[in-house]
């Protein structure tokens, strides 16, 4: 696990938090992508996800949007996800917007072969960078408790790793 946290104040109106995370999933990249792309599995690894609704007729492509209701910190928030770049199995980027928060998420995947004696195992390395920009009242929350935001990104990755390991 790698977590790096950068905290910047750009002006009096917004602040930014950047975090990077990495997990190793004990599955080949093709299997990881099969699970990662399947919307039916989202609730299995995205804790707090109450529901989602596709806002685009075509899903899983650049420009497609989905509305997501997520339970977090004792309340339910609605955010809009938009896929901004996609080149699977290696790249998946999206933005998540809700009141006072913009999260730009970049996910990169690569496969690694691990050899131990006669045993060969393919694993997938998932690197994620999250850049949160806050405005309004969310600046105060982000400044005081940045881990609320960065921990959720890492938790989703760890939950996906656990989910994928059982499939």
Foldseek 3Di string as FASTA:
>chain_A
DDWDWDWADPDPFKIKIKIKDKDKFQAALVLLCVQVQDPVCCCQQQPQWPDKAWPDPDPDDAQTKMWTWGDAPNDIFIWMKGWHDDDPPAWTWIWIDGVFKIKTKIKGKDWDWDDDPPDITIMIMIMMMIMMMGGDPVRVVCVVCVCSPVVSVNSSVVSSSVVSNVD
